PDB file of N, CA and C in Angstrom:
ATOM      1  N   MET A   1       0.408 -19.314  -6.091  1.00  0.00           N
ATOM      2  CA  MET A   1      -0.610 -19.040  -6.200  1.00  0.00           C
ATOM      3  C   MET A   1      -1.822 -18.411  -5.041  1.00  0.00           C
ATOM      4  N   GLU A   2      -1.701 -18.584  -3.849  1.00  0.00           N
ATOM      5  CA  GLU A   2      -2.291 -17.902  -3.064  1.00  0.00           C
ATOM      6  C   GLU A   2      -1.826 -17.363  -2.368  1.00  0.00           C
ATOM      7  N   GLN A   3      -0.107 -16.936  -2.436  1.00  0.00           N
ATOM      8  CA  GLN A   3       0.250 -15.901  -1.642  1.00  0.00           C
ATOM      9  C   GLN A   3       0.154 -14.956  -2.502  1.00  0.00           C
ATOM     10  N   LEU A   4      -0.583 -15.242  -4.218  1.00  0.00           N
ATOM     11  CA  LEU A   4      -0.426 -14.035  -5.041  1.00  0.00           C
ATOM     12  C   LEU A   4      -1.702 -12.812  -4.717  1.00  0.00           C
ATOM     13  N   ILE A   5      -3.328 -14.066  -5.027  1.00  0.00           N
ATOM     14  CA  ILE A   5      -4.302 -13.914  -4.436  1.00  0.00           C
ATOM     15  C   ILE A   5      -4.599 -12.846  -3.012  1.00  0.00           C
ATOM     16  N   ILE A   6      -3.645 -13.409  -2.142  1.00  0.00           N
ATOM     17  CA  ILE A   6      -3.737 -12.589  -1.077  1.00  0.00           C
ATOM     18  C   ILE A   6      -2.455 -11.329  -1.225  1.00  0.00           C
ATOM     19  N   LEU A   7      -1.646 -10.768  -2.150  1.00  0.00           N
ATOM     20  CA  LEU A   7      -1.087  -9.565  -2.420  1.00  0.00           C
ATOM     21  C   LEU A   7      -2.224  -9.207  -2.808  1.00  0.00           C
ATOM     22  N   LEU A   8      -2.719  -9.350  -4.306  1.00  0.00           N
ATOM     23  CA  LEU A   8      -4.115  -8.273  -4.393  1.00  0.00           C
ATOM     24  C   LEU A   8      -5.157  -7.990  -4.177  1.00  0.00           C
ATOM     25  N   ILE A   9      -5.324  -9.061  -3.346  1.00  0.00           N
ATOM     26  CA  ILE A   9      -6.836  -8.734  -2.107  1.00  0.00           C
ATOM     27  C   ILE A   9      -5.064  -7.080  -0.308  1.00  0.00           C
ATOM     28  N   VAL A  10      -4.250  -7.650  -0.441  1.00  0.00           N
ATOM     29  CA  VAL A  10      -3.650  -6.475   0.656  1.00  0.00           C
ATOM     30  C   VAL A  10      -3.936  -5.436  -0.328  1.00  0.00           C
ATOM     31  N   GLY A  11      -3.017  -5.502  -1.617  1.00  0.00           N
ATOM     32  CA  GLY A  11      -2.278  -3.734  -2.187  1.00  0.00           C
ATOM     33  C   GLY A  11      -3.862  -3.428  -2.392  1.00  0.00           C
ATOM     34  N   ALA A  12      -5.464  -4.361  -2.371  1.00  0.00           N
ATOM     35  CA  ALA A  12      -6.365  -3.757  -3.316  1.00  0.00           C
ATOM     36  C   ALA A  12      -6.838  -3.008  -1.837  1.00  0.00           C
ATOM     37  N   VAL A  13      -6.890  -3.338  -0.864  1.00  0.00           N
ATOM     38  CA  VAL A  13      -7.132  -2.410   0.962  1.00  0.00           C
ATOM     39  C   VAL A  13      -6.948  -1.720   1.218  1.00  0.00           C
ATOM     40  N   ALA A  14      -4.831  -1.760   1.330  1.00  0.00           N
ATOM     41  CA  ALA A  14      -4.110  -0.679   1.330  1.00  0.00           C
ATOM     42  C   ALA A  14      -4.310   0.663   0.706  1.00  0.00           C
ATOM     43  N   GLY A  15      -5.194   0.817  -1.245  1.00  0.00           N
ATOM     44  CA  GLY A  15      -4.718   1.507  -2.620  1.00  0.00           C
ATOM     45  C   GLY A  15      -5.574   2.263  -1.768  1.00  0.00           C
ATOM     46  N   TRP A  16      -6.966   1.405  -1.066  1.00  0.00           N
ATOM     47  CA  TRP A  16      -8.242   1.980  -0.872  1.00  0.00           C
ATOM     48  C   TRP A  16      -7.811   2.756  -0.161  1.00  0.00           C
ATOM     49  N   LEU A  17      -7.576   1.618   0.701  1.00  0.00           N
ATOM     50  CA  LEU A  17      -8.070   2.823   2.502  1.00  0.00           C
ATOM     51  C   LEU A  17      -6.821   4.085   2.055  1.00  0.00           C
ATOM     52  N   ALA A  18      -5.240   3.907   1.198  1.00  0.00           N
ATOM     53  CA  ALA A  18      -4.864   5.312   0.917  1.00  0.00           C
ATOM     54  C   ALA A  18      -5.258   5.838   0.185  1.00  0.00           C
ATOM     55  N   THR A  19      -6.430   6.318  -0.801  1.00  0.00           N
ATOM     56  CA  THR A  19      -6.266   6.911  -1.450  1.00  0.00           C
ATOM     57  C   THR A  19      -7.799   7.381  -0.453  1.00  0.00           C
ATOM     58  N   GLN A  20      -8.308   6.409  -0.002  1.00  0.00           N
ATOM     59  CA  GLN A  20      -8.802   7.347   1.210  1.00  0.00           C
ATOM     60  C   GLN A  20      -8.573   8.426   2.440  1.00  0.00           C
ATOM     61  N   LEU A  21      -7.577   7.719   2.815  1.00  0.00           N
ATOM     62  CA  LEU A  21      -6.576   8.887   3.564  1.00  0.00           C
ATOM     63  C   LEU A  21      -6.372   9.832   2.894  1.00  0.00           C
ATOM     64  N   MET A  22      -6.272  10.314   1.518  1.00  0.00           N
ATOM     65  CA  MET A  22      -4.975  10.931   1.583  1.00  0.00           C
ATOM     66  C   MET A  22      -5.949  11.950   0.677  1.00  0.00           C
ATOM     67  N   LYS A  23      -7.700  11.158   0.016  1.00  0.00           N
ATOM     68  CA  LYS A  23      -8.414  12.315  -0.083  1.00  0.00           C
ATOM     69  C   LYS A  23      -8.419  12.105  -1.583  1.00  0.00           C
ATOM     70  N   ASN A  24      -7.993  11.677  -2.087  1.00  0.00           N
ATOM     71  CA  ASN A  24      -7.242  11.250  -4.259  1.00  0.00           C
ATOM     72  C   ASN A  24      -8.260  10.109  -3.849  1.00  0.00           C
ATOM     73  N   ARG A  25      -9.685  10.309  -4.639  1.00  0.00           N
ATOM     74  CA  ARG A  25     -10.437   9.632  -5.231  1.00  0.00           C
ATOM     75  C   ARG A  25     -10.973   8.676  -6.222  1.00  0.00           C
ATOM     76  N   SER A  26      -9.696   9.251  -7.466  1.00  0.00           N
ATOM     77  CA  SER A  26     -10.379   9.208  -9.115  1.00  0.00           C
ATOM     78  C   SER A  26      -9.212   7.932  -9.352  1.00  0.00           C
ATOM     79  N   MET A  27      -9.039   7.624  -8.800  1.00  0.00           N
ATOM     80  CA  MET A  27      -8.328   6.105  -8.458  1.00  0.00           C
ATOM     81  C   MET A  27      -8.753   4.618  -8.927  1.00  0.00           C
ATOM     82  N   SER A  28      -8.845   4.383 -10.217  1.00  0.00           N
ATOM     83  CA  SER A  28     -10.008   2.653 -10.399  1.00  0.00           C
ATOM     84  C   SER A  28      -9.675   1.915  -9.940  1.00  0.00           C
ATOM     85  N   LEU A  29     -10.456   1.007  -9.694  1.00  0.00           N
ATOM     86  CA  LEU A  29      -9.847  -0.245  -8.751  1.00  0.00           C
ATOM     87  C   LEU A  29      -8.483  -1.076  -9.374  1.00  0.00           C
ATOM     88  N   VAL A  30      -8.171  -1.535 -10.375  1.00  0.00           N
ATOM     89  CA  VAL A  30      -6.567  -1.071 -10.527  1.00  0.00           C
ATOM     90  C   VAL A  30      -6.390  -0.471 -10.713  1.00  0.00           C
ATOM     91  N   TRP A  31      -5.459   1.332 -11.055  1.00  0.00           N
ATOM     92  CA  TRP A  31      -4.093   1.064 -10.019  1.00  0.00           C
ATOM     93  C   TRP A  31      -4.495   1.492  -8.537  1.00  0.00           C
ATOM     94  N   THR A  32      -5.415   1.738  -7.963  1.00  0.00           N
ATOM     95  CA  THR A  32      -5.804   1.542  -6.651  1.00  0.00           C
ATOM     96  C   THR A  32      -4.720  -0.008  -6.814  1.00  0.00           C
ATOM     97  N   THR A  33      -5.432  -0.137  -6.604  1.00  0.00           N
ATOM     98  CA  THR A  33      -4.924  -2.243  -6.376  1.00  0.00           C
ATOM     99  C   THR A  33      -3.095  -2.504  -6.796  1.00  0.00           C
ATOM    100  N   ILE A  34      -3.224  -1.470  -7.928  1.00  0.00           N
ATOM    101  CA  ILE A  34      -1.273  -1.375  -8.374  1.00  0.00           C
ATOM    102  C   ILE A  34      -0.147  -0.687  -7.400  1.00  0.00           C
ATOM    103  N   LEU A  35      -0.981   0.752  -6.441  1.00  0.00           N
ATOM    104  CA  LEU A  35      -0.845   1.223  -5.662  1.00  0.00           C
ATOM    105  C   LEU A  35      -0.490   0.402  -4.892  1.00  0.00           C
ATOM    106  N   GLY A  36      -1.460  -0.541  -4.251  1.00  0.00           N
ATOM    107  CA  GLY A  36      -1.709  -1.108  -2.687  1.00  0.00           C
ATOM    108  C   GLY A  36      -0.723  -2.005  -2.988  1.00  0.00           C
ATOM    109  N   VAL A  37      -0.182  -2.349  -4.062  1.00  0.00           N
ATOM    110  CA  VAL A  37       0.713  -3.961  -4.178  1.00  0.00           C
ATOM    111  C   VAL A  37       2.690  -3.065  -4.029  1.00  0.00           C
ATOM    112  N   ALA A  38       2.605  -2.043  -5.044  1.00  0.00           N
ATOM    113  CA  ALA A  38       3.326  -1.283  -4.136  1.00  0.00           C
ATOM    114  C   ALA A  38       4.129  -0.991  -3.773  1.00  0.00           C
ATOM    115  N   GLY A  39       2.374   0.245  -3.177  1.00  0.00           N
ATOM    116  CA  GLY A  39       3.357   0.315  -1.658  1.00  0.00           C
ATOM    117  C   GLY A  39       3.487  -0.711  -1.028  1.00  0.00           C
ATOM    118  N   ALA A  40       3.225  -1.116  -0.503  1.00  0.00           N
ATOM    119  CA  ALA A  40       3.433  -3.539   0.678  1.00  0.00           C
ATOM    120  C   ALA A  40       5.182  -2.881   0.468  1.00  0.00           C
ATOM    121  N   TYR A  41       5.817  -3.322  -1.233  1.00  0.00           N
ATOM    122  CA  TYR A  41       6.933  -3.487  -1.649  1.00  0.00           C
ATOM    123  C   TYR A  41       7.900  -1.588  -0.587  1.00  0.00           C
ATOM    124  N   ILE A  42       7.136  -0.765  -0.658  1.00  0.00           N
ATOM    125  CA  ILE A  42       8.160   0.269  -0.229  1.00  0.00           C
ATOM    126  C   ILE A  42       7.794   0.090   1.370  1.00  0.00           C
ATOM    127  N   GLY A  43       6.060  -0.077   2.238  1.00  0.00           N
ATOM    128  CA  GLY A  43       6.065  -0.321   3.402  1.00  0.00           C
ATOM    129  C   GLY A  43       6.804  -1.347   4.164  1.00  0.00           C
ATOM    130  N   ASN A  44       7.496  -2.693   3.518  1.00  0.00           N
ATOM    131  CA  ASN A  44       7.866  -3.727   3.849  1.00  0.00           C
ATOM    132  C   ASN A  44       9.526  -2.849   4.206  1.00  0.00           C
ATOM    133  N   ILE A  45       9.936  -2.042   3.373  1.00  0.00           N
ATOM    134  CA  ILE A  45      11.564  -1.656   3.274  1.00  0.00           C
ATOM    135  C   ILE A  45      11.272  -1.844   3.884  1.00  0.00           C
ATOM    136  N   ALA A  46      10.935   0.155   4.307  1.00  0.00           N
ATOM    137  CA  ALA A  46      10.333   0.912   5.358  1.00  0.00           C
ATOM    138  C   ALA A  46      10.378   0.164   6.819  1.00  0.00           C
ATOM    139  N   LEU A  47       9.734  -0.486   6.699  1.00  0.00           N
ATOM    140  CA  LEU A  47      10.043   0.086   8.959  1.00  0.00           C
ATOM    141  C   LEU A  47      10.534  -1.830   9.070  1.00  0.00           C
ATOM    142  N   ASP A  48      10.974  -2.341   7.798  1.00  0.00           N
ATOM    143  CA  ASP A  48      12.984  -3.158   7.966  1.00  0.00           C
ATOM    144  C   ASP A  48      13.835  -2.399   8.266  1.00  0.00           C
ATOM    145  N   ALA A  49      13.641  -1.570   8.209  1.00  0.00           N
ATOM    146  CA  ALA A  49      15.148  -0.621   7.832  1.00  0.00           C
ATOM    147  C   ALA A  49      14.514  -0.156   9.602  1.00  0.00           C
ATOM    148  N   ILE A  50      13.277   0.253  10.183  1.00  0.00           N
ATOM    149  CA  ILE A  50      13.714   0.991  11.823  1.00  0.00           C
ATOM    150  C   ILE A  50      13.037  -0.352  12.438  1.00  0.00           C
ATOM    151  N   GLY A  51      13.329  -1.620  11.968  1.00  0.00           N
ATOM    152  CA  GLY A  51      13.223  -2.532  12.906  1.00  0.00           C
ATOM    153  C   GLY A  51      11.646  -2.998  12.948  1.00  0.00           C
ATOM    154  N   ILE A  52      11.147  -3.518  12.237  1.00  0.00           N
ATOM    155  CA  ILE A  52       8.991  -3.254  12.433  1.00  0.00           C
ATOM    156  C   ILE A  52       8.868  -4.334  11.524  1.00  0.00           C
ATOM    157  N   HIS A  53       8.822  -5.295  12.160  1.00  0.00           N
ATOM    158  CA  HIS A  53       8.596  -6.308  10.994  1.00  0.00           C
ATOM    159  C   HIS A  53       7.323  -7.060  11.487  1.00  0.00           C
ATOM    160  N   THR A  54       5.861  -6.969   9.980  1.00  0.00           N
ATOM    161  CA  THR A  54       4.711  -8.101  10.354  1.00  0.00           C
ATOM    162  C   THR A  54       4.984  -9.181   9.627  1.00  0.00           C
ATOM    163  N   SER A  55       3.906  -9.626  10.093  1.00  0.00           N
ATOM    164  CA  SER A  55       3.677 -10.899   9.371  1.00  0.00           C
ATOM    165  C   SER A  55       2.745 -12.133   9.359  1.00  0.00           C
ATOM    166  N   LYS A  56       1.887 -10.845  10.030  1.00  0.00           N
ATOM    167  CA  LYS A  56      -0.122 -10.982  10.282  1.00  0.00           C
ATOM    168  C   LYS A  56      -0.366 -10.835   9.160  1.00  0.00           C
ATOM    169  N   LEU A  57      -2.215 -10.588   8.384  1.00  0.00           N
ATOM    170  CA  LEU A  57      -2.797  -9.698   7.785  1.00  0.00           C
ATOM    171  C   LEU A  57      -3.148  -8.430   7.860  1.00  0.00           C
ATOM    172  N   LEU A  58      -3.347  -8.353   9.233  1.00  0.00           N
ATOM    173  CA  LEU A  58      -3.382  -6.593   9.431  1.00  0.00           C
ATOM    174  C   LEU A  58      -2.144  -6.007   9.598  1.00  0.00           C
ATOM    175  N   GLY A  59      -0.925  -7.058   9.676  1.00  0.00           N
ATOM    176  CA  GLY A  59       0.790  -6.178   9.907  1.00  0.00           C
ATOM    177  C   GLY A  59       0.652  -5.498   8.087  1.00  0.00           C
ATOM    178  N   GLN A  60       0.883  -6.432   7.754  1.00  0.00           N
ATOM    179  CA  GLN A  60       0.957  -6.187   6.187  1.00  0.00           C
ATOM    180  C   GLN A  60      -0.371  -5.343   5.613  1.00  0.00           C
ATOM    181  N   ILE A  61      -1.224  -5.402   6.180  1.00  0.00           N
ATOM    182  CA  ILE A  61      -2.071  -4.399   5.236  1.00  0.00           C
ATOM    183  C   ILE A  61      -1.955  -3.054   5.772  1.00  0.00           C
ATOM    184  N   VAL A  62      -1.460  -2.313   6.927  1.00  0.00           N
ATOM    185  CA  VAL A  62      -0.809  -1.857   7.946  1.00  0.00           C
ATOM    186  C   VAL A  62       0.754  -0.879   6.458  1.00  0.00           C
ATOM    187  N   SER A  63       1.358  -1.968   6.592  1.00  0.00           N
ATOM    188  CA  SER A  63       2.275  -1.609   5.411  1.00  0.00           C
ATOM    189  C   SER A  63       2.345  -0.951   4.746  1.00  0.00           C
ATOM    190  N   ALA A  64       1.943  -2.160   3.702  1.00  0.00           N
ATOM    191  CA  ALA A  64       1.011  -1.564   2.577  1.00  0.00           C
ATOM    192  C   ALA A  64       0.762  -0.350   2.799  1.00  0.00           C
ATOM    193  N   THR A  65      -0.314   0.134   3.286  1.00  0.00           N
ATOM    194  CA  THR A  65      -1.079   1.583   3.345  1.00  0.00           C
ATOM    195  C   THR A  65       0.035   2.671   3.465  1.00  0.00           C
ATOM    196  N   PHE A  66       0.689   2.340   4.855  1.00  0.00           N
ATOM    197  CA  PHE A  66       1.824   2.720   4.797  1.00  0.00           C
ATOM    198  C   PHE A  66       2.318   3.332   3.200  1.00  0.00           C
ATOM    199  N   GLY A  67       2.512   2.164   2.753  1.00  0.00           N
ATOM    200  CA  GLY A  67       3.721   2.901   1.465  1.00  0.00           C
ATOM    201  C   GLY A  67       2.866   3.619   0.256  1.00  0.00           C
ATOM    202  N   ALA A  68       1.796   2.969   0.753  1.00  0.00           N
ATOM    203  CA  ALA A  68       1.036   3.859  -0.479  1.00  0.00           C
ATOM    204  C   ALA A  68       1.159   5.130  -0.394  1.00  0.00           C
ATOM    205  N   ILE A  69       1.011   5.556   0.819  1.00  0.00           N
ATOM    206  CA  ILE A  69       0.909   7.082   0.959  1.00  0.00           C
ATOM    207  C   ILE A  69       1.764   7.359   0.818  1.00  0.00           C
ATOM    208  N   VAL A  70       2.945   6.559   1.269  1.00  0.00           N
ATOM    209  CA  VAL A  70       4.515   7.681   0.878  1.00  0.00           C
ATOM    210  C   VAL A  70       4.773   7.962  -0.853  1.00  0.00           C
ATOM    211  N   LEU A  71       4.065   6.549  -1.072  1.00  0.00           N
ATOM    212  CA  LEU A  71       3.823   6.987  -3.276  1.00  0.00           C
ATOM    213  C   LEU A  71       3.314   8.813  -3.608  1.00  0.00           C
ATOM    214  N   LEU A  72       1.429   7.934  -2.522  1.00  0.00           N
ATOM    215  CA  LEU A  72       0.655   9.516  -3.244  1.00  0.00           C
ATOM    216  C   LEU A  72       1.121  11.116  -2.877  1.00  0.00           C
ATOM    217  N   PHE A  73       1.619  10.479  -1.306  1.00  0.00           N
ATOM    218  CA  PHE A  73       2.522  11.715  -1.519  1.00  0.00           C
ATOM    219  C   PHE A  73       3.859  12.774  -2.423  1.00  0.00           C
ATOM    220  N   ILE A  74       4.360  11.475  -3.124  1.00  0.00           N
ATOM    221  CA  ILE A  74       5.357  12.368  -4.447  1.00  0.00           C
ATOM    222  C   ILE A  74       4.600  12.425  -5.047  1.00  0.00           C
ATOM    223  N   ALA A  75       3.582  10.759  -5.664  1.00  0.00           N
ATOM    224  CA  ALA A  75       2.516  12.190  -6.844  1.00  0.00           C
ATOM    225  C   ALA A  75       2.851  13.144  -6.399  1.00  0.00           C
ATOM    226  N   SER A  76       2.287  13.110  -5.726  1.00  0.00           N
ATOM    227  CA  SER A  76       1.555  14.854  -5.324  1.00  0.00           C
ATOM    228  C   SER A  76       2.301  15.469  -5.563  1.00  0.00           C
ATOM    229  N   LYS A  77       3.666  15.417  -4.735  1.00  0.00           N
ATOM    230  CA  LYS A  77       4.715  16.176  -5.003  1.00  0.00           C
ATOM    231  C   LYS A  77       5.442  16.686  -6.221  1.00  0.00           C
ATOM    232  N   ILE A  78       5.306  15.549  -6.710  1.00  0.00           N
ATOM    233  CA  ILE A  78       6.022  15.147  -8.293  1.00  0.00           C
ATOM    234  C   ILE A  78       4.516  16.283  -9.648  1.00  0.00           C
ATOM    235  N   ARG A  79       3.459  16.427  -9.576  1.00  0.00           N
ATOM    236  CA  ARG A  79       2.290  16.924 -10.435  1.00  0.00           C
ATOM    237  C   ARG A  79       2.892  18.065 -10.591  1.00  0.00           C
TER     238      ARG A  79
END
């Protein structure tokens, strides 16, 4: 249960950071959190593939933000 709460907090922070960096401020808190959680998954896969492993909270937020930015970039190209 504790890991789920941490995942949601990291997702919310990472999603918010990604929307601020990509200047996409029209998302609700729920979608921002979903973006961050999905970004965490993508960021972990991408960074693990190049040999960067994150285990601390700050590293998880950076990884999730990276993944969320990738997702926002892909979504902007699809629209």
